[in-house]
Amino acid sequence: MPQHVADIPPDGLPAYRLLTGPDDSAFCKRVSEALALGYRLYGSPAATFNGERVIVAQAVLWPGSDHAAG
């Protein structure tokens, strides 16, 4: 049975979030935690190299938010 997702994100979080950071397990954990809260991946991940390490970004979107239209 599917879990019910609230109309708005918990704890005052925004409907759209761009998670960024070094490409490491801590970043993966942050994305996984957002998914566990009910966010959905939005678009493809991005990666760049800052001269020292790979930096990644992943957008997440709360289901049913106005941003999902279009």
C-alpha atoms as a PDB file:
ATOM      1  CA  MET A   1       0.000   0.000   0.000  1.00  0.00           C
ATOM      2  CA  PRO A   2       1.524   3.384  -0.981  1.00  0.00           C
ATOM      3  CA  GLN A   3       2.479   5.770   1.760  1.00  0.00           C
ATOM      4  CA  HIS A   4       0.619   9.093   1.929  1.00  0.00           C
ATOM      5  CA  VAL A   5       2.837  12.098   1.243  1.00  0.00           C
ATOM      6  CA  ALA A   6       1.838  15.400   2.830  1.00  0.00           C
ATOM      7  CA  ASP A   7       0.864  18.303   0.593  1.00  0.00           C
ATOM      8  CA  ILE A   8       3.810  20.331   1.848  1.00  0.00           C
ATOM      9  CA  PRO A   9       7.342  19.290   2.800  1.00  0.00           C
ATOM     10  CA  PRO A  10       8.057  18.675   6.497  1.00  0.00           C
ATOM     11  CA  ASP A  11       9.943  20.984   8.851  1.00  0.00           C
ATOM     12  CA  GLY A  12       9.410  24.074   6.701  1.00  0.00           C
ATOM     13  CA  LEU A  13      11.614  22.726   3.905  1.00  0.00           C
ATOM     14  CA  PRO A  14      11.070  24.233   0.432  1.00  0.00           C
ATOM     15  CA  ALA A  15       9.304  22.293  -2.319  1.00  0.00           C
ATOM     16  CA  TYR A  16      12.369  22.580  -4.556  1.00  0.00           C
ATOM     17  CA  ARG A  17      15.829  21.851  -3.218  1.00  0.00           C
ATOM     18  CA  LEU A  18      19.208  21.729  -4.934  1.00  0.00           C
ATOM     19  CA  LEU A  19      21.524  19.492  -2.959  1.00  0.00           C
ATOM     20  CA  THR A  20      25.226  20.084  -3.622  1.00  0.00           C
ATOM     21  CA  GLY A  21      28.513  18.902  -2.211  1.00  0.00           C
ATOM     22  CA  PRO A  22      31.567  16.730  -2.702  1.00  0.00           C
ATOM     23  CA  ASP A  23      30.880  13.402  -4.413  1.00  0.00           C
ATOM     24  CA  ASP A  24      31.092  11.271  -1.285  1.00  0.00           C
ATOM     25  CA  SER A  25      28.949   9.060   0.919  1.00  0.00           C
ATOM     26  CA  ALA A  26      27.717  12.066   2.925  1.00  0.00           C
ATOM     27  CA  PHE A  27      26.237  13.597  -0.239  1.00  0.00           C
ATOM     28  CA  CYS A  28      24.609  10.293  -1.196  1.00  0.00           C
ATOM     29  CA  LYS A  29      23.152  10.065   2.312  1.00  0.00           C
ATOM     30  CA  ARG A  30      21.652  13.585   2.006  1.00  0.00           C
ATOM     31  CA  VAL A  31      19.970  12.673  -1.280  1.00  0.00           C
ATOM     32  CA  SER A  32      18.746   9.374   0.198  1.00  0.00           C
ATOM     33  CA  GLU A  33      17.324  11.199   3.231  1.00  0.00           C
ATOM     34  CA  ALA A  34      15.442  13.627   0.973  1.00  0.00           C
ATOM     35  CA  LEU A  35      13.984  10.683  -0.957  1.00  0.00           C
ATOM     36  CA  ALA A  36      12.975   8.983   2.304  1.00  0.00           C
ATOM     37  CA  LEU A  37      11.113  12.161   3.335  1.00  0.00           C
ATOM     38  CA  GLY A  38       9.078  11.969   0.139  1.00  0.00           C
ATOM     39  CA  TYR A  39      11.005  14.160  -2.314  1.00  0.00           C
ATOM     40  CA  ARG A  40      11.475  12.912  -5.873  1.00  0.00           C
ATOM     41  CA  LEU A  41      14.535  13.361  -8.072  1.00  0.00           C
ATOM     42  CA  TYR A  42      14.133  16.316 -10.445  1.00  0.00           C
ATOM     43  CA  GLY A  43      16.298  16.239 -13.539  1.00  0.00           C
ATOM     44  CA  SER A  44      19.673  14.657 -13.945  1.00  0.00           C
ATOM     45  CA  PRO A  45      22.559  15.030 -11.519  1.00  0.00           C
ATOM     46  CA  ALA A  46      25.390  17.394 -12.420  1.00  0.00           C
ATOM     47  CA  ALA A  47      29.090  17.079 -11.667  1.00  0.00           C
ATOM     48  CA  THR A  48      32.095  19.367 -11.954  1.00  0.00           C
ATOM     49  CA  PHE A  49      35.692  19.351 -10.821  1.00  0.00           C
ATOM     50  CA  ASN A  50      36.868  22.260  -8.666  1.00  0.00           C
ATOM     51  CA  GLY A  51      40.583  21.530  -9.030  1.00  0.00           C
ATOM     52  CA  GLU A  52      40.656  19.317  -5.948  1.00  0.00           C
ATOM     53  CA  ARG A  53      37.575  17.114  -5.977  1.00  0.00           C
ATOM     54  CA  VAL A  54      34.387  16.308  -7.853  1.00  0.00           C
ATOM     55  CA  ILE A  55      31.419  18.432  -6.752  1.00  0.00           C
ATOM     56  CA  VAL A  56      27.929  17.109  -7.498  1.00  0.00           C
ATOM     57  CA  ALA A  57      24.426  18.531  -7.523  1.00  0.00           C
ATOM     58  CA  GLN A  58      21.005  16.915  -7.553  1.00  0.00           C
ATOM     59  CA  ALA A  59      17.680  18.717  -7.570  1.00  0.00           C
ATOM     60  CA  VAL A  60      14.766  17.209  -5.662  1.00  0.00           C
ATOM     61  CA  LEU A  61      11.114  18.246  -5.832  1.00  0.00           C
ATOM     62  CA  TRP A  62       8.239  17.696  -3.466  1.00  0.00           C
ATOM     63  CA  PRO A  63       5.416  15.755  -5.210  1.00  0.00           C
ATOM     64  CA  GLY A  64       2.477  17.901  -6.248  1.00  0.00           C
ATOM     65  CA  SER A  65       4.334  21.192  -6.027  1.00  0.00           C
ATOM     66  CA  ASP A  66       3.614  23.864  -8.626  1.00  0.00           C
ATOM     67  CA  HIS A  67       7.137  23.412 -10.020  1.00  0.00           C
ATOM     68  CA  ALA A  68       6.172  19.990 -11.379  1.00  0.00           C
ATOM     69  CA  ALA A  69       3.845  21.497 -13.992  1.00  0.00           C
ATOM     70  CA  GLY A  70       5.214  21.842 -17.484  1.00  0.00           C
END
